[in-house]
Amino acid sequence: MQLKSHSCLGRVLVCDSIHDEGIRILEDSGFKVDFKPLIKAEELISEVSKYDALVVRSRTRVTKPILEAGENLKVVARAGVGLDNIDVEAATKRGIIVINSPEAPSNAVAELVIGLMLSLARKIPEADASVKQGEWIKNRLTGFELKNKILGIIGFGKIGYLVAKKAKAFDMRVLIHDVIIEELMNQVREVGGEAVSFEEVLSISDFVTLHIPLTPDTRYLIGEKEFGKMKGSAYLINTSRGAIVDEAALVKALKAGKIAGAALDVYEEEPPKRKELTELKNVICTPHIGAETVEAQRANSVIVAEKLIKLFKKG
């Protein structure tokens, strides 16, 4: 039986573009949904009091003033992994629940990491660009194989776990570091990985890939000192959050040959303004596409919708 308007579960404002399947699920469950994917902060502050829940991705920043203006706000839902664009502390103080969908884009990001490793190893972007420019520089594009190379994974959540599984299919040796590694040893053994210290990941790995949230403790986790510990032949991959890496220190390390190269999907500022970094030939840059697959976007939308329905039906 179709729900009538008086049985509305609540009003939801979708502030960023999400897959329409999640919106349909919310509406079919009795929510009144407004879709405003280009809403600005000023408008959001003036409109938020009308809503019981907000749904955002990474574009919208849910700040303390927005939360304070949300007199009826009960839930902020992030369709994606990180929560660094939401003032979680301010939300918690106001009794507002914050949820996200970290399980949704995990495979998409893990596959991108493998793609970036292959691109670095085989110089795929340079090869593509050269042929399109009418060049044939085959002899200058000698790469190397992933087989028997060492992959260091910092952060062993859902994405780190999947990266490890996929890397093992390439016959790579996988080193894993996580602050709660003792609790994750079953998963480490399952993927055939080795639990090691932070310093060992840096000093031994041919590739170092980051899979940790951005917090005050992880901001600039990788800086000048850390680059100094890495092998000159090593590559850094960052698909987590840009500010985990000190970009100024990264530029210096790349120019000085402290590391061989990097692949970045995230930046301190997005779009990136540090041209000195994006114009380096030994850096591959992508525009934060880790979760940009049809499957991941649908899953983000559906999972967040289902979590909202469960919360509101429980009261």
C-alpha atoms as a PDB file:
ATOM      1  CA  MET A   1       0.000   0.000   0.000  1.00  0.00           C
ATOM      2  CA  GLN A   2       1.384   3.409  -0.912  1.00  0.00           C
ATOM      3  CA  LEU A   3       2.187   5.705   2.006  1.00  0.00           C
ATOM      4  CA  LYS A   4       0.062   8.845   2.281  1.00  0.00           C
ATOM      5  CA  SER A   5       1.511  12.270   2.878  1.00  0.00           C
ATOM      6  CA  HIS A   6       0.411  12.375   6.558  1.00  0.00           C
ATOM      7  CA  SER A   7       2.534   9.264   7.275  1.00  0.00           C
ATOM      8  CA  CYS A   8       5.715  11.077   6.238  1.00  0.00           C
ATOM      9  CA  LEU A   9       8.777   9.776   8.078  1.00  0.00           C
ATOM     10  CA  GLY A  10      10.503  13.134   7.787  1.00  0.00           C
ATOM     11  CA  ARG A  11      11.982  15.702   5.428  1.00  0.00           C
ATOM     12  CA  VAL A  12      15.358  15.053   3.807  1.00  0.00           C
ATOM     13  CA  LEU A  13      17.522  17.549   1.958  1.00  0.00           C
ATOM     14  CA  VAL A  14      19.966  15.984  -0.503  1.00  0.00           C
ATOM     15  CA  CYS A  15      22.731  18.586  -0.865  1.00  0.00           C
ATOM     16  CA  ASP A  16      24.958  16.827  -3.413  1.00  0.00           C
ATOM     17  CA  SER A  17      24.454  14.608  -6.447  1.00  0.00           C
ATOM     18  CA  ILE A  18      23.671  11.013  -5.501  1.00  0.00           C
ATOM     19  CA  HIS A  19      22.319   8.080  -7.482  1.00  0.00           C
ATOM     20  CA  ASP A  20      18.554   8.436  -7.982  1.00  0.00           C
ATOM     21  CA  GLU A  21      17.943   4.910  -6.637  1.00  0.00           C
ATOM     22  CA  GLY A  22      18.577   6.118  -3.080  1.00  0.00           C
ATOM     23  CA  ILE A  23      16.176   9.023  -3.525  1.00  0.00           C
ATOM     24  CA  ARG A  24      13.503   6.665  -4.865  1.00  0.00           C
ATOM     25  CA  ILE A  25      13.943   4.348  -1.863  1.00  0.00           C
ATOM     26  CA  LEU A  26      13.586   7.254   0.561  1.00  0.00           C
ATOM     27  CA  GLU A  27      10.447   8.563  -1.157  1.00  0.00           C
ATOM     28  CA  ASP A  28       8.871   5.101  -1.359  1.00  0.00           C
ATOM     29  CA  SER A  29       9.479   4.685   2.378  1.00  0.00           C
ATOM     30  CA  GLY A  30       7.606   7.862   3.241  1.00  0.00           C
ATOM     31  CA  PHE A  31      10.235  10.599   3.276  1.00  0.00           C
ATOM     32  CA  LYS A  32       9.681  13.975   1.628  1.00  0.00           C
ATOM     33  CA  VAL A  33      12.908  14.509  -0.305  1.00  0.00           C
ATOM     34  CA  ASP A  34      14.222  17.783  -1.726  1.00  0.00           C
ATOM     35  CA  PHE A  35      17.130  17.481  -4.147  1.00  0.00           C
ATOM     36  CA  LYS A  36      19.389  20.565  -4.276  1.00  0.00           C
ATOM     37  CA  PRO A  37      22.802  19.363  -5.480  1.00  0.00           C
ATOM     38  CA  LEU A  38      24.206  22.871  -5.989  1.00  0.00           C
ATOM     39  CA  ILE A  39      23.036  24.439  -2.734  1.00  0.00           C
ATOM     40  CA  LYS A  40      25.462  26.993  -1.255  1.00  0.00           C
ATOM     41  CA  ALA A  41      26.364  27.311   2.425  1.00  0.00           C
ATOM     42  CA  GLU A  42      24.378  30.532   2.915  1.00  0.00           C
ATOM     43  CA  GLU A  43      21.210  29.006   1.479  1.00  0.00           C
ATOM     44  CA  LEU A  44      21.724  25.819   3.445  1.00  0.00           C
ATOM     45  CA  ILE A  45      21.941  27.769   6.718  1.00  0.00           C
ATOM     46  CA  SER A  46      18.645  29.499   5.932  1.00  0.00           C
ATOM     47  CA  GLU A  47      16.891  26.301   4.756  1.00  0.00           C
ATOM     48  CA  VAL A  48      18.232  23.596   7.093  1.00  0.00           C
ATOM     49  CA  SER A  49      15.693  24.192   9.899  1.00  0.00           C
ATOM     50  CA  LYS A  50      12.989  22.685   7.666  1.00  0.00           C
ATOM     51  CA  TYR A  51      14.678  19.291   7.520  1.00  0.00           C
ATOM     52  CA  ASP A  52      15.053  16.219   9.709  1.00  0.00           C
ATOM     53  CA  ALA A  53      18.052  14.869   7.774  1.00  0.00           C
ATOM     54  CA  LEU A  54      20.769  16.007   5.390  1.00  0.00           C
ATOM     55  CA  VAL A  55      22.432  13.811   2.782  1.00  0.00           C
ATOM     56  CA  VAL A  56      25.809  15.015   1.493  1.00  0.00           C
ATOM     57  CA  ARG A  57      28.847  13.794  -0.376  1.00  0.00           C
ATOM     58  CA  SER A  58      32.205  15.606  -0.306  1.00  0.00           C
ATOM     59  CA  ARG A  59      31.174  18.941  -1.868  1.00  0.00           C
ATOM     60  CA  THR A  60      28.988  20.182   0.986  1.00  0.00           C
ATOM     61  CA  ARG A  61      30.689  21.092   4.259  1.00  0.00           C
ATOM     62  CA  VAL A  62      28.374  20.592   7.216  1.00  0.00           C
ATOM     63  CA  THR A  63      29.781  23.188   9.594  1.00  0.00           C
ATOM     64  CA  LYS A  64      28.887  24.189  13.146  1.00  0.00           C
ATOM     65  CA  PRO A  65      26.740  27.166  11.973  1.00  0.00           C
ATOM     66  CA  ILE A  66      24.736  24.865   9.693  1.00  0.00           C
ATOM     67  CA  LEU A  67      24.213  22.362  12.494  1.00  0.00           C
ATOM     68  CA  GLU A  68      23.205  25.107  14.921  1.00  0.00           C
ATOM     69  CA  ALA A  69      20.652  26.375  12.394  1.00  0.00           C
ATOM     70  CA  GLY A  70      19.206  22.865  12.025  1.00  0.00           C
ATOM     71  CA  GLU A  71      16.628  23.103  14.796  1.00  0.00           C
ATOM     72  CA  ASN A  72      14.891  19.905  13.668  1.00  0.00           C
ATOM     73  CA  LEU A  73      17.949  18.122  12.341  1.00  0.00           C
ATOM     74  CA  LYS A  74      18.339  14.564  13.604  1.00  0.00           C
ATOM     75  CA  VAL A  75      20.747  12.915  11.143  1.00  0.00           C
ATOM     76  CA  VAL A  76      23.528  13.940   8.774  1.00  0.00           C
ATOM     77  CA  ALA A  77      24.283  11.214   6.240  1.00  0.00           C
ATOM     78  CA  ARG A  78      27.477  11.175   4.179  1.00  0.00           C
ATOM     79  CA  ALA A  79      27.150   9.086   1.006  1.00  0.00           C
ATOM     80  CA  GLY A  80      30.752   7.922   1.040  1.00  0.00           C
ATOM     81  CA  VAL A  81      33.678   7.072   3.287  1.00  0.00           C
ATOM     82  CA  GLY A  82      35.220  10.079   5.057  1.00  0.00           C
ATOM     83  CA  LEU A  83      33.566  12.413   7.546  1.00  0.00           C
ATOM     84  CA  ASP A  84      36.129  15.223   7.419  1.00  0.00           C
ATOM     85  CA  ASN A  85      33.622  17.562   5.721  1.00  0.00           C
ATOM     86  CA  ILE A  86      31.243  17.217   8.688  1.00  0.00           C
ATOM     87  CA  ASP A  87      31.787  18.792  12.113  1.00  0.00           C
ATOM     88  CA  VAL A  88      31.122  15.529  13.938  1.00  0.00           C
ATOM     89  CA  GLU A  89      31.937  17.010  17.353  1.00  0.00           C
ATOM     90  CA  ALA A  90      29.401  19.812  16.927  1.00  0.00           C
ATOM     91  CA  ALA A  91      26.805  17.331  15.647  1.00  0.00           C
ATOM     92  CA  THR A  92      27.338  15.007  18.610  1.00  0.00           C
ATOM     93  CA  LYS A  93      26.935  17.877  21.093  1.00  0.00           C
ATOM     94  CA  ARG A  94      23.565  18.668  19.522  1.00  0.00           C
ATOM     95  CA  GLY A  95      22.464  15.029  19.588  1.00  0.00           C
ATOM     96  CA  ILE A  96      22.613  14.756  15.790  1.00  0.00           C
ATOM     97  CA  ILE A  97      23.554  11.325  14.488  1.00  0.00           C
ATOM     98  CA  VAL A  98      26.208  11.176  11.770  1.00  0.00           C
ATOM     99  CA  ILE A  99      26.252   8.162   9.439  1.00  0.00           C
ATOM    100  CA  ASN A 100      28.103   7.239   6.262  1.00  0.00           C
ATOM    101  CA  SER A 101      28.556   4.350   3.823  1.00  0.00           C
ATOM    102  CA  PRO A 102      32.205   3.256   4.033  1.00  0.00           C
ATOM    103  CA  GLU A 103      31.350  -0.195   2.691  1.00  0.00           C
ATOM    104  CA  ALA A 104      29.985   1.146  -0.613  1.00  0.00           C
ATOM    105  CA  PRO A 105      33.040   2.447  -2.536  1.00  0.00           C
ATOM    106  CA  SER A 106      35.663   0.103  -1.054  1.00  0.00           C
ATOM    107  CA  ASN A 107      36.095  -2.098  -4.119  1.00  0.00           C
ATOM    108  CA  ALA A 108      36.090   0.856  -6.509  1.00  0.00           C
ATOM    109  CA  VAL A 109      38.906   2.576  -4.598  1.00  0.00           C
ATOM    110  CA  ALA A 110      40.872  -0.657  -4.266  1.00  0.00           C
ATOM    111  CA  GLU A 111      40.682  -1.223  -8.032  1.00  0.00           C
ATOM    112  CA  LEU A 112      41.856   2.338  -8.656  1.00  0.00           C
ATOM    113  CA  VAL A 113      44.908   1.716  -6.462  1.00  0.00           C
ATOM    114  CA  ILE A 114      45.819  -1.310  -8.575  1.00  0.00           C
ATOM    115  CA  GLY A 115      45.273   0.754 -11.728  1.00  0.00           C
ATOM    116  CA  LEU A 116      47.536   3.514 -10.418  1.00  0.00           C
ATOM    117  CA  MET A 117      50.256   0.994  -9.534  1.00  0.00           C
ATOM    118  CA  LEU A 118      50.120  -0.448 -13.032  1.00  0.00           C
ATOM    119  CA  SER A 119      50.153   3.051 -14.522  1.00  0.00           C
ATOM    120  CA  LEU A 120      53.266   3.956 -12.533  1.00  0.00           C
ATOM    121  CA  ALA A 121      55.016   0.672 -13.270  1.00  0.00           C
ATOM    122  CA  ARG A 122      54.291   0.645 -17.008  1.00  0.00           C
ATOM    123  CA  LYS A 123      54.229   4.428 -17.642  1.00  0.00           C
ATOM    124  CA  ILE A 124      50.787   4.124 -19.191  1.00  0.00           C
ATOM    125  CA  PRO A 125      49.782   7.830 -19.069  1.00  0.00           C
ATOM    126  CA  GLU A 126      53.080   8.890 -20.682  1.00  0.00           C
ATOM    127  CA  ALA A 127      52.774   6.171 -23.328  1.00  0.00           C
ATOM    128  CA  ASP A 128      49.226   7.218 -24.187  1.00  0.00           C
ATOM    129  CA  ALA A 129      50.120  10.913 -24.422  1.00  0.00           C
ATOM    130  CA  SER A 130      53.175  10.260 -26.592  1.00  0.00           C
ATOM    131  CA  VAL A 131      51.305   8.224 -29.227  1.00  0.00           C
ATOM    132  CA  LYS A 132      48.533  10.837 -29.386  1.00  0.00           C
ATOM    133  CA  GLN A 133      51.217  13.464 -30.002  1.00  0.00           C
ATOM    134  CA  GLY A 134      52.526  11.479 -32.972  1.00  0.00           C
ATOM    135  CA  GLU A 135      55.578  10.112 -31.154  1.00  0.00           C
ATOM    136  CA  TRP A 136      56.860   6.548 -30.981  1.00  0.00           C
ATOM    137  CA  ILE A 137      59.110   6.457 -27.904  1.00  0.00           C
ATOM    138  CA  LYS A 138      58.870   2.749 -27.144  1.00  0.00           C
ATOM    139  CA  ASN A 139      62.507   2.479 -26.052  1.00  0.00           C
ATOM    140  CA  ARG A 140      62.043   5.236 -23.461  1.00  0.00           C
ATOM    141  CA  LEU A 141      59.076   3.535 -21.834  1.00  0.00           C
ATOM    142  CA  THR A 142      60.665   0.479 -20.261  1.00  0.00           C
ATOM    143  CA  GLY A 143      58.763  -0.234 -17.063  1.00  0.00           C
ATOM    144  CA  PHE A 144      58.731  -3.006 -14.485  1.00  0.00           C
ATOM    145  CA  GLU A 145      56.378  -5.739 -13.283  1.00  0.00           C
ATOM    146  CA  LEU A 146      54.393  -5.811 -10.060  1.00  0.00           C
ATOM    147  CA  LYS A 147      55.299  -9.444  -9.506  1.00  0.00           C
ATOM    148  CA  ASN A 148      57.586  -9.876  -6.454  1.00  0.00           C
ATOM    149  CA  LYS A 149      57.437  -6.162  -5.639  1.00  0.00           C
ATOM    150  CA  ILE A 150      56.637  -5.054  -2.094  1.00  0.00           C
ATOM    151  CA  LEU A 151      53.406  -3.179  -1.395  1.00  0.00           C
ATOM    152  CA  GLY A 152      53.102  -1.350   1.913  1.00  0.00           C
ATOM    153  CA  ILE A 153      49.554  -0.631   3.081  1.00  0.00           C
ATOM    154  CA  ILE A 154      49.024   1.991   5.790  1.00  0.00           C
ATOM    155  CA  GLY A 155      45.516   1.549   7.165  1.00  0.00           C
ATOM    156  CA  PHE A 156      43.843  -1.856   7.011  1.00  0.00           C
ATOM    157  CA  GLY A 157      40.140  -1.146   6.899  1.00  0.00           C
ATOM    158  CA  LYS A 158      37.823  -2.344   4.152  1.00  0.00           C
ATOM    159  CA  ILE A 159      39.781  -0.677   1.343  1.00  0.00           C
ATOM    160  CA  GLY A 160      43.217  -1.693   2.615  1.00  0.00           C
ATOM    161  CA  TYR A 161      41.995  -5.283   2.970  1.00  0.00           C
ATOM    162  CA  LEU A 162      40.725  -5.377  -0.624  1.00  0.00           C
ATOM    163  CA  VAL A 163      43.915  -3.780  -1.969  1.00  0.00           C
ATOM    164  CA  ALA A 164      45.915  -6.506  -0.223  1.00  0.00           C
ATOM    165  CA  LYS A 165      43.750  -9.277  -1.714  1.00  0.00           C
ATOM    166  CA  LYS A 166      44.102  -7.879  -5.228  1.00  0.00           C
ATOM    167  CA  ALA A 167      47.840  -7.275  -4.853  1.00  0.00           C
ATOM    168  CA  LYS A 168      48.367 -10.911  -3.881  1.00  0.00           C
ATOM    169  CA  ALA A 169      46.868 -11.907  -7.248  1.00  0.00           C
ATOM    170  CA  PHE A 170      49.845 -10.077  -8.815  1.00  0.00           C
ATOM    171  CA  ASP A 171      52.246 -12.119  -6.631  1.00  0.00           C
ATOM    172  CA  MET A 172      53.263  -9.074  -4.618  1.00  0.00           C
ATOM    173  CA  ARG A 173      54.601  -9.196  -1.083  1.00  0.00           C
ATOM    174  CA  VAL A 174      52.184  -7.252   1.126  1.00  0.00           C
ATOM    175  CA  LEU A 175      53.233  -5.365   4.268  1.00  0.00           C
ATOM    176  CA  ILE A 176      50.476  -3.958   6.487  1.00  0.00           C
ATOM    177  CA  HIS A 177      50.483  -1.329   9.212  1.00  0.00           C
ATOM    178  CA  ASP A 178      47.500  -0.209  11.263  1.00  0.00           C
ATOM    179  CA  VAL A 179      47.200   1.349  14.713  1.00  0.00           C
ATOM    180  CA  ILE A 180      44.889  -1.522  15.767  1.00  0.00           C
ATOM    181  CA  ILE A 181      46.789  -4.252  13.944  1.00  0.00           C
ATOM    182  CA  GLU A 182      46.424  -6.718  16.855  1.00  0.00           C
ATOM    183  CA  GLU A 183      42.658  -6.734  16.297  1.00  0.00           C
ATOM    184  CA  LEU A 184      43.088  -7.336  12.558  1.00  0.00           C
ATOM    185  CA  MET A 185      45.494 -10.257  12.515  1.00  0.00           C
ATOM    186  CA  ASN A 186      42.906 -12.729  11.201  1.00  0.00           C
ATOM    187  CA  GLN A 187      42.367 -10.530   8.142  1.00  0.00           C
ATOM    188  CA  VAL A 188      46.116 -10.005   7.742  1.00  0.00           C
ATOM    189  CA  ARG A 189      46.671 -13.768   7.674  1.00  0.00           C
ATOM    190  CA  GLU A 190      43.689 -14.247   5.354  1.00  0.00           C
ATOM    191  CA  VAL A 191      45.277 -12.055   2.658  1.00  0.00           C
ATOM    192  CA  GLY A 192      48.759 -13.488   3.178  1.00  0.00           C
ATOM    193  CA  GLY A 193      50.100 -10.180   4.477  1.00  0.00           C
ATOM    194  CA  GLU A 194      52.743  -9.328   7.055  1.00  0.00           C
ATOM    195  CA  ALA A 195      52.019  -6.989   9.979  1.00  0.00           C
ATOM    196  CA  VAL A 196      54.915  -4.554  10.342  1.00  0.00           C
ATOM    197  CA  SER A 197      55.743  -1.202  11.919  1.00  0.00           C
ATOM    198  CA  PHE A 198      55.144   2.162  10.277  1.00  0.00           C
ATOM    199  CA  GLU A 199      58.892   2.588   9.772  1.00  0.00           C
ATOM    200  CA  GLU A 200      59.206  -0.818   8.091  1.00  0.00           C
ATOM    201  CA  VAL A 201      56.408  -0.032   5.644  1.00  0.00           C
ATOM    202  CA  LEU A 202      58.226   3.133   4.617  1.00  0.00           C
ATOM    203  CA  SER A 203      61.728   1.704   4.392  1.00  0.00           C
ATOM    204  CA  ILE A 204      61.009  -1.644   2.699  1.00  0.00           C
ATOM    205  CA  SER A 205      58.110  -1.023   0.301  1.00  0.00           C
ATOM    206  CA  ASP A 206      58.317  -0.425  -3.443  1.00  0.00           C
ATOM    207  CA  PHE A 207      54.822   1.108  -3.259  1.00  0.00           C
ATOM    208  CA  VAL A 208      53.254   2.779  -0.218  1.00  0.00           C
ATOM    209  CA  THR A 209      49.477   3.225  -0.352  1.00  0.00           C
ATOM    210  CA  LEU A 210      47.462   5.194   2.209  1.00  0.00           C
ATOM    211  CA  HIS A 211      44.038   4.109   3.501  1.00  0.00           C
ATOM    212  CA  ILE A 212      43.394   6.100   6.669  1.00  0.00           C
ATOM    213  CA  PRO A 213      40.936   8.854   7.639  1.00  0.00           C
ATOM    214  CA  LEU A 214      41.995  12.472   7.989  1.00  0.00           C
ATOM    215  CA  THR A 215      42.169  13.394  11.682  1.00  0.00           C
ATOM    216  CA  PRO A 216      44.339  15.804  13.678  1.00  0.00           C
ATOM    217  CA  ASP A 217      46.703  12.863  14.293  1.00  0.00           C
ATOM    218  CA  THR A 218      46.992  11.867  10.618  1.00  0.00           C
ATOM    219  CA  ARG A 219      47.301  15.340   9.082  1.00  0.00           C
ATOM    220  CA  TYR A 220      50.728  15.466   7.362  1.00  0.00           C
ATOM    221  CA  LEU A 221      51.449  11.926   8.526  1.00  0.00           C
ATOM    222  CA  ILE A 222      53.670  11.626   5.467  1.00  0.00           C
ATOM    223  CA  GLY A 223      56.149  14.500   5.377  1.00  0.00           C
ATOM    224  CA  GLU A 224      59.806  15.258   4.866  1.00  0.00           C
ATOM    225  CA  LYS A 225      61.017  12.853   7.562  1.00  0.00           C
ATOM    226  CA  GLU A 226      58.907   9.998   6.169  1.00  0.00           C
ATOM    227  CA  PHE A 227      60.053  10.583   2.580  1.00  0.00           C
ATOM    228  CA  GLY A 228      63.603  10.403   3.889  1.00  0.00           C
ATOM    229  CA  LYS A 229      62.937   6.859   5.116  1.00  0.00           C
ATOM    230  CA  MET A 230      61.566   5.607   1.776  1.00  0.00           C
ATOM    231  CA  LYS A 231      63.605   3.965  -0.963  1.00  0.00           C
ATOM    232  CA  GLY A 232      64.672   6.151  -3.869  1.00  0.00           C
ATOM    233  CA  SER A 233      62.894   3.683  -6.172  1.00  0.00           C
ATOM    234  CA  ALA A 234      59.627   3.768  -4.193  1.00  0.00           C
ATOM    235  CA  TYR A 235      56.258   5.241  -5.185  1.00  0.00           C
ATOM    236  CA  LEU A 236      53.583   6.844  -3.014  1.00  0.00           C
ATOM    237  CA  ILE A 237      49.870   6.344  -3.753  1.00  0.00           C
ATOM    238  CA  ASN A 238      47.219   8.442  -2.019  1.00  0.00           C
ATOM    239  CA  THR A 239      43.517   7.778  -2.571  1.00  0.00           C
ATOM    240  CA  SER A 240      42.432   8.605   0.997  1.00  0.00           C
ATOM    241  CA  ARG A 241      42.599  12.309   1.911  1.00  0.00           C
ATOM    242  CA  GLY A 242      44.975  14.905   0.504  1.00  0.00           C
ATOM    243  CA  ALA A 243      46.112  16.489   3.763  1.00  0.00           C
ATOM    244  CA  ILE A 244      47.515  13.188   5.036  1.00  0.00           C
ATOM    245  CA  VAL A 245      50.483  14.036   2.795  1.00  0.00           C
ATOM    246  CA  ASP A 246      52.490  17.244   3.146  1.00  0.00           C
ATOM    247  CA  GLU A 247      52.401  18.284  -0.527  1.00  0.00           C
ATOM    248  CA  ALA A 248      55.278  20.757  -0.185  1.00  0.00           C
ATOM    249  CA  ALA A 249      57.443  17.975   1.244  1.00  0.00           C
ATOM    250  CA  LEU A 250      56.266  15.635  -1.528  1.00  0.00           C
ATOM    251  CA  VAL A 251      57.323  18.105  -4.236  1.00  0.00           C
ATOM    252  CA  LYS A 252      60.727  18.461  -2.598  1.00  0.00           C
ATOM    253  CA  ALA A 253      61.144  14.662  -2.328  1.00  0.00           C
ATOM    254  CA  LEU A 254      60.144  14.101  -5.955  1.00  0.00           C
ATOM    255  CA  LYS A 255      62.481  16.784  -7.270  1.00  0.00           C
ATOM    256  CA  ALA A 256      65.370  15.542  -5.140  1.00  0.00           C
ATOM    257  CA  GLY A 257      64.862  11.902  -6.138  1.00  0.00           C
ATOM    258  CA  LYS A 258      64.069  10.853  -2.571  1.00  0.00           C
ATOM    259  CA  ILE A 259      61.257   8.789  -4.109  1.00  0.00           C
ATOM    260  CA  ALA A 260      60.669   7.745  -7.715  1.00  0.00           C
ATOM    261  CA  GLY A 261      57.148   9.030  -8.157  1.00  0.00           C
ATOM    262  CA  ALA A 262      53.603   9.328  -6.870  1.00  0.00           C
ATOM    263  CA  ALA A 263      49.994   8.774  -7.883  1.00  0.00           C
ATOM    264  CA  LEU A 264      47.407  11.063  -6.325  1.00  0.00           C
ATOM    265  CA  ASP A 265      43.632  10.980  -6.439  1.00  0.00           C
ATOM    266  CA  VAL A 266      43.231  13.450  -3.545  1.00  0.00           C
ATOM    267  CA  TYR A 267      44.821  16.792  -2.678  1.00  0.00           C
ATOM    268  CA  GLU A 268      45.121  19.303   0.144  1.00  0.00           C
ATOM    269  CA  GLU A 269      42.889  21.600  -1.926  1.00  0.00           C
ATOM    270  CA  GLU A 270      40.484  20.290  -4.530  1.00  0.00           C
ATOM    271  CA  PRO A 271      40.836  21.077  -7.376  1.00  0.00           C
ATOM    272  CA  PRO A 272      44.585  21.204  -6.656  1.00  0.00           C
ATOM    273  CA  LYS A 273      46.207  24.622  -6.795  1.00  0.00           C
ATOM    274  CA  ARG A 274      49.808  23.465  -6.354  1.00  0.00           C
ATOM    275  CA  LYS A 275      50.838  23.436 -10.036  1.00  0.00           C
ATOM    276  CA  GLU A 276      54.398  22.621  -9.016  1.00  0.00           C
ATOM    277  CA  LEU A 277      53.092  19.196  -7.993  1.00  0.00           C
ATOM    278  CA  THR A 278      50.603  18.442 -10.765  1.00  0.00           C
ATOM    279  CA  GLU A 279      53.051  19.379 -13.532  1.00  0.00           C
ATOM    280  CA  LEU A 280      55.786  16.971 -12.425  1.00  0.00           C
ATOM    281  CA  LYS A 281      56.355  14.164 -14.938  1.00  0.00           C
ATOM    282  CA  ASN A 282      56.771  11.520 -12.227  1.00  0.00           C
ATOM    283  CA  VAL A 283      53.328  12.216 -10.736  1.00  0.00           C
ATOM    284  CA  ILE A 284      50.046  10.734 -11.965  1.00  0.00           C
ATOM    285  CA  CYS A 285      47.030  12.859 -11.031  1.00  0.00           C
ATOM    286  CA  THR A 286      43.357  11.907 -11.093  1.00  0.00           C
ATOM    287  CA  PRO A 287      40.446  14.153  -9.962  1.00  0.00           C
ATOM    288  CA  HIS A 288      39.217  12.301  -6.840  1.00  0.00           C
ATOM    289  CA  ILE A 289      37.635   9.470  -8.840  1.00  0.00           C
ATOM    290  CA  GLY A 290      38.152   6.697  -6.286  1.00  0.00           C
ATOM    291  CA  ALA A 291      34.425   6.135  -5.801  1.00  0.00           C
ATOM    292  CA  GLU A 292      33.367   7.248  -9.287  1.00  0.00           C
ATOM    293  CA  THR A 293      31.978   3.985 -10.593  1.00  0.00           C
ATOM    294  CA  VAL A 294      28.351   3.253 -11.424  1.00  0.00           C
ATOM    295  CA  GLU A 295      28.338   0.440  -8.870  1.00  0.00           C
ATOM    296  CA  ALA A 296      29.865   2.475  -6.031  1.00  0.00           C
ATOM    297  CA  GLN A 297      27.635   5.496  -6.566  1.00  0.00           C
ATOM    298  CA  ARG A 298      24.498   3.380  -6.555  1.00  0.00           C
ATOM    299  CA  ALA A 299      25.683   1.532  -3.429  1.00  0.00           C
ATOM    300  CA  ASN A 300      26.526   4.817  -1.652  1.00  0.00           C
ATOM    301  CA  SER A 301      23.041   6.129  -2.314  1.00  0.00           C
ATOM    302  CA  VAL A 302      21.169   2.929  -1.468  1.00  0.00           C
ATOM    303  CA  ILE A 303      23.113   2.157   1.722  1.00  0.00           C
ATOM    304  CA  VAL A 304      22.656   5.667   3.115  1.00  0.00           C
ATOM    305  CA  ALA A 305      18.937   5.565   2.262  1.00  0.00           C
ATOM    306  CA  GLU A 306      18.509   2.215   4.005  1.00  0.00           C
ATOM    307  CA  LYS A 307      20.349   3.443   7.100  1.00  0.00           C
ATOM    308  CA  LEU A 308      18.172   6.555   7.274  1.00  0.00           C
ATOM    309  CA  ILE A 309      14.986   4.505   6.979  1.00  0.00           C
ATOM    310  CA  LYS A 310      16.143   2.166   9.747  1.00  0.00           C
ATOM    311  CA  LEU A 311      16.996   5.065  12.076  1.00  0.00           C
ATOM    312  CA  PHE A 312      13.739   6.941  11.547  1.00  0.00           C
ATOM    313  CA  LYS A 313      11.547   3.841  11.799  1.00  0.00           C
ATOM    314  CA  LYS A 314      13.209   3.028  15.120  1.00  0.00           C
ATOM    315  CA  GLY A 315      12.423   6.576  16.259  1.00  0.00           C
END
